[in-house]
């Protein structure tokens, strides 16, 4: 049985996928998991592979602990890069394939039954480490 935290994360993933599809992204995989790491969503848009980390918080926890995107630690960034490279190799993409790692930060306001979605493109790179 999924935990409350897992259900909340699943809600964030559903909202993110709906957002991506409405912006003409093709969803390639959801919850890609390997021993080296996990990527929430892998999508394609304009010939670019997007590896997407989704962070979801309530408005009250965001006010208390900071923005969702601030929860992507140095260690998580390293794992995202390694996992993205592994995915590309496993699926035999060319070395010339354009790819990037994005973060989708979602703040859910339960009082208003609304969600604010912030898509931060190219949020993680070797330069950001």
C-alpha atoms as a PDB file:
ATOM      1  CA  UNK A   1       0.000   0.000   0.000  1.00  0.00           C
ATOM      2  CA  UNK A   2       1.503   3.341  -1.039  1.00  0.00           C
ATOM      3  CA  UNK A   3       2.392   5.778   1.703  1.00  0.00           C
ATOM      4  CA  UNK A   4       0.834   9.224   1.913  1.00  0.00           C
ATOM      5  CA  UNK A   5       4.145  10.701   0.729  1.00  0.00           C
ATOM      6  CA  UNK A   6       4.201   8.323  -2.273  1.00  0.00           C
ATOM      7  CA  UNK A   7       0.602   9.220  -3.173  1.00  0.00           C
ATOM      8  CA  UNK A   8       1.512  12.915  -3.012  1.00  0.00           C
ATOM      9  CA  UNK A   9       4.530  12.304  -5.256  1.00  0.00           C
ATOM     10  CA  UNK A  10       2.360  10.344  -7.693  1.00  0.00           C
ATOM     11  CA  UNK A  11      -0.055  13.284  -7.827  1.00  0.00           C
ATOM     12  CA  UNK A  12       2.851  15.578  -8.703  1.00  0.00           C
ATOM     13  CA  UNK A  13       3.977  13.204 -11.464  1.00  0.00           C
ATOM     14  CA  UNK A  14       0.450  13.088 -12.927  1.00  0.00           C
ATOM     15  CA  UNK A  15       0.206  16.883 -12.908  1.00  0.00           C
ATOM     16  CA  UNK A  16       3.662  17.182 -14.496  1.00  0.00           C
ATOM     17  CA  UNK A  17       2.835  14.676 -17.253  1.00  0.00           C
ATOM     18  CA  UNK A  18      -0.439  16.476 -17.999  1.00  0.00           C
ATOM     19  CA  UNK A  19       1.488  19.761 -18.164  1.00  0.00           C
ATOM     20  CA  UNK A  20       4.139  18.274 -20.480  1.00  0.00           C
ATOM     21  CA  UNK A  21       1.573  16.701 -22.812  1.00  0.00           C
ATOM     22  CA  UNK A  22      -0.346  19.979 -23.016  1.00  0.00           C
ATOM     23  CA  UNK A  23       2.931  21.590 -24.131  1.00  0.00           C
ATOM     24  CA  UNK A  24       3.463  18.966 -26.876  1.00  0.00           C
ATOM     25  CA  UNK A  25       6.103  16.844 -25.120  1.00  0.00           C
ATOM     26  CA  UNK A  26       6.060  13.115 -25.881  1.00  0.00           C
ATOM     27  CA  UNK A  27       6.380  11.042 -22.722  1.00  0.00           C
ATOM     28  CA  UNK A  28       8.923   8.248 -23.290  1.00  0.00           C
ATOM     29  CA  UNK A  29       9.074   6.766 -19.782  1.00  0.00           C
ATOM     30  CA  UNK A  30       7.815   7.373 -16.271  1.00  0.00           C
ATOM     31  CA  UNK A  31       9.797   6.290 -13.197  1.00  0.00           C
ATOM     32  CA  UNK A  32      12.851   4.959 -15.003  1.00  0.00           C
ATOM     33  CA  UNK A  33      14.753   3.072 -12.289  1.00  0.00           C
ATOM     34  CA  UNK A  34      18.173   1.445 -12.280  1.00  0.00           C
ATOM     35  CA  UNK A  35      20.653   0.685  -9.523  1.00  0.00           C
ATOM     36  CA  UNK A  36      22.517   3.922 -10.264  1.00  0.00           C
ATOM     37  CA  UNK A  37      19.466   6.136  -9.939  1.00  0.00           C
ATOM     38  CA  UNK A  38      15.947   7.043 -10.925  1.00  0.00           C
ATOM     39  CA  UNK A  39      14.425   9.598 -13.268  1.00  0.00           C
ATOM     40  CA  UNK A  40      10.825  10.631 -12.733  1.00  0.00           C
ATOM     41  CA  UNK A  41       9.913  11.377 -16.364  1.00  0.00           C
ATOM     42  CA  UNK A  42      11.764  11.071 -19.654  1.00  0.00           C
ATOM     43  CA  UNK A  43      10.197  13.049 -22.474  1.00  0.00           C
ATOM     44  CA  UNK A  44      11.034  14.331 -25.942  1.00  0.00           C
ATOM     45  CA  UNK A  45      10.357  17.754 -27.402  1.00  0.00           C
ATOM     46  CA  UNK A  46      11.778  19.333 -30.572  1.00  0.00           C
ATOM     47  CA  UNK A  47      14.328  16.528 -30.945  1.00  0.00           C
ATOM     48  CA  UNK A  48      15.691  16.955 -27.403  1.00  0.00           C
ATOM     49  CA  UNK A  49      15.469  14.241 -24.746  1.00  0.00           C
ATOM     50  CA  UNK A  50      14.383  15.773 -21.419  1.00  0.00           C
ATOM     51  CA  UNK A  51      15.191  13.941 -18.205  1.00  0.00           C
ATOM     52  CA  UNK A  52      12.843  15.474 -15.664  1.00  0.00           C
ATOM     53  CA  UNK A  53      13.028  15.516 -11.874  1.00  0.00           C
ATOM     54  CA  UNK A  54       9.691  16.383 -10.278  1.00  0.00           C
ATOM     55  CA  UNK A  55       9.492  18.017  -6.869  1.00  0.00           C
ATOM     56  CA  UNK A  56       6.095  18.587  -5.292  1.00  0.00           C
ATOM     57  CA  UNK A  57       5.257  20.449  -2.099  1.00  0.00           C
ATOM     58  CA  UNK A  58       2.218  21.932  -0.474  1.00  0.00           C
ATOM     59  CA  UNK A  59       2.041  25.707  -0.209  1.00  0.00           C
ATOM     60  CA  UNK A  60       2.476  25.538   3.570  1.00  0.00           C
ATOM     61  CA  UNK A  61       5.571  23.301   3.407  1.00  0.00           C
ATOM     62  CA  UNK A  62       7.005  25.473   0.638  1.00  0.00           C
ATOM     63  CA  UNK A  63       6.582  28.547   2.836  1.00  0.00           C
ATOM     64  CA  UNK A  64       8.318  26.675   5.652  1.00  0.00           C
ATOM     65  CA  UNK A  65      11.093  24.755   3.848  1.00  0.00           C
ATOM     66  CA  UNK A  66      11.664  26.641   0.600  1.00  0.00           C
ATOM     67  CA  UNK A  67      10.832  26.101  -3.034  1.00  0.00           C
ATOM     68  CA  UNK A  68      10.543  22.530  -4.326  1.00  0.00           C
ATOM     69  CA  UNK A  69      13.435  22.926  -6.777  1.00  0.00           C
ATOM     70  CA  UNK A  70      15.744  23.769  -3.870  1.00  0.00           C
ATOM     71  CA  UNK A  71      15.359  20.142  -2.740  1.00  0.00           C
ATOM     72  CA  UNK A  72      17.498  18.880  -5.661  1.00  0.00           C
ATOM     73  CA  UNK A  73      20.774  18.318  -3.826  1.00  0.00           C
ATOM     74  CA  UNK A  74      24.302  18.114  -5.204  1.00  0.00           C
ATOM     75  CA  UNK A  75      24.194  14.336  -4.735  1.00  0.00           C
ATOM     76  CA  UNK A  76      20.839  14.073  -6.558  1.00  0.00           C
ATOM     77  CA  UNK A  77      22.182  16.153  -9.460  1.00  0.00           C
ATOM     78  CA  UNK A  78      25.147  13.789  -9.839  1.00  0.00           C
ATOM     79  CA  UNK A  79      22.833  10.761  -9.831  1.00  0.00           C
ATOM     80  CA  UNK A  80      20.537  12.369 -12.406  1.00  0.00           C
ATOM     81  CA  UNK A  81      23.444  13.005 -14.774  1.00  0.00           C
ATOM     82  CA  UNK A  82      24.787   9.448 -14.394  1.00  0.00           C
ATOM     83  CA  UNK A  83      21.344   7.918 -14.843  1.00  0.00           C
ATOM     84  CA  UNK A  84      20.607  10.037 -17.925  1.00  0.00           C
ATOM     85  CA  UNK A  85      23.892   8.973 -19.520  1.00  0.00           C
ATOM     86  CA  UNK A  86      23.109   5.336 -18.677  1.00  0.00           C
ATOM     87  CA  UNK A  87      19.639   5.642 -20.256  1.00  0.00           C
ATOM     88  CA  UNK A  88      21.064   7.090 -23.460  1.00  0.00           C
ATOM     89  CA  UNK A  89      23.623   4.276 -23.713  1.00  0.00           C
ATOM     90  CA  UNK A  90      21.095   1.566 -22.843  1.00  0.00           C
ATOM     91  CA  UNK A  91      18.731   2.814 -25.553  1.00  0.00           C
ATOM     92  CA  UNK A  92      21.596   3.227 -28.037  1.00  0.00           C
ATOM     93  CA  UNK A  93      21.154   6.917 -28.671  1.00  0.00           C
ATOM     94  CA  UNK A  94      23.908   8.585 -30.675  1.00  0.00           C
ATOM     95  CA  UNK A  95      26.631  10.565 -28.912  1.00  0.00           C
ATOM     96  CA  UNK A  96      25.223  13.543 -30.794  1.00  0.00           C
ATOM     97  CA  UNK A  97      21.784  13.241 -29.214  1.00  0.00           C
ATOM     98  CA  UNK A  98      20.677  16.489 -27.626  1.00  0.00           C
ATOM     99  CA  UNK A  99      19.535  16.023 -24.042  1.00  0.00           C
ATOM    100  CA  UNK A 100      19.064  17.999 -20.878  1.00  0.00           C
ATOM    101  CA  UNK A 101      17.921  17.623 -17.304  1.00  0.00           C
ATOM    102  CA  UNK A 102      14.947  19.710 -16.224  1.00  0.00           C
ATOM    103  CA  UNK A 103      13.154  20.181 -12.925  1.00  0.00           C
ATOM    104  CA  UNK A 104       9.421  20.591 -12.632  1.00  0.00           C
ATOM    105  CA  UNK A 105       8.568  22.247  -9.325  1.00  0.00           C
ATOM    106  CA  UNK A 106       4.955  21.977  -8.232  1.00  0.00           C
ATOM    107  CA  UNK A 107       3.348  23.827  -5.344  1.00  0.00           C
ATOM    108  CA  UNK A 108      -0.098  22.584  -4.419  1.00  0.00           C
ATOM    109  CA  UNK A 109      -2.444  24.986  -2.655  1.00  0.00           C
ATOM    110  CA  UNK A 110      -5.018  22.761  -0.983  1.00  0.00           C
ATOM    111  CA  UNK A 111      -7.068  25.742   0.175  1.00  0.00           C
ATOM    112  CA  UNK A 112      -7.698  26.857  -3.389  1.00  0.00           C
ATOM    113  CA  UNK A 113      -7.452  23.394  -4.967  1.00  0.00           C
ATOM    114  CA  UNK A 114      -4.829  24.680  -7.419  1.00  0.00           C
ATOM    115  CA  UNK A 115      -1.297  23.806  -8.411  1.00  0.00           C
ATOM    116  CA  UNK A 116       1.456  26.136  -9.572  1.00  0.00           C
ATOM    117  CA  UNK A 117       3.823  24.414 -12.017  1.00  0.00           C
ATOM    118  CA  UNK A 118       7.275  25.805 -12.752  1.00  0.00           C
ATOM    119  CA  UNK A 119       9.225  24.032 -15.520  1.00  0.00           C
ATOM    120  CA  UNK A 120      12.911  24.850 -15.124  1.00  0.00           C
ATOM    121  CA  UNK A 121      14.665  23.751 -18.284  1.00  0.00           C
ATOM    122  CA  UNK A 122      18.311  22.700 -18.240  1.00  0.00           C
ATOM    123  CA  UNK A 123      18.295  23.002 -14.444  1.00  0.00           C
ATOM    124  CA  UNK A 124      21.046  20.418 -13.971  1.00  0.00           C
ATOM    125  CA  UNK A 125      24.304  20.233 -15.877  1.00  0.00           C
ATOM    126  CA  UNK A 126      27.957  19.574 -15.210  1.00  0.00           C
ATOM    127  CA  UNK A 127      28.318  23.342 -14.824  1.00  0.00           C
ATOM    128  CA  UNK A 128      25.706  23.429 -12.062  1.00  0.00           C
ATOM    129  CA  UNK A 129      27.660  20.992  -9.863  1.00  0.00           C
END
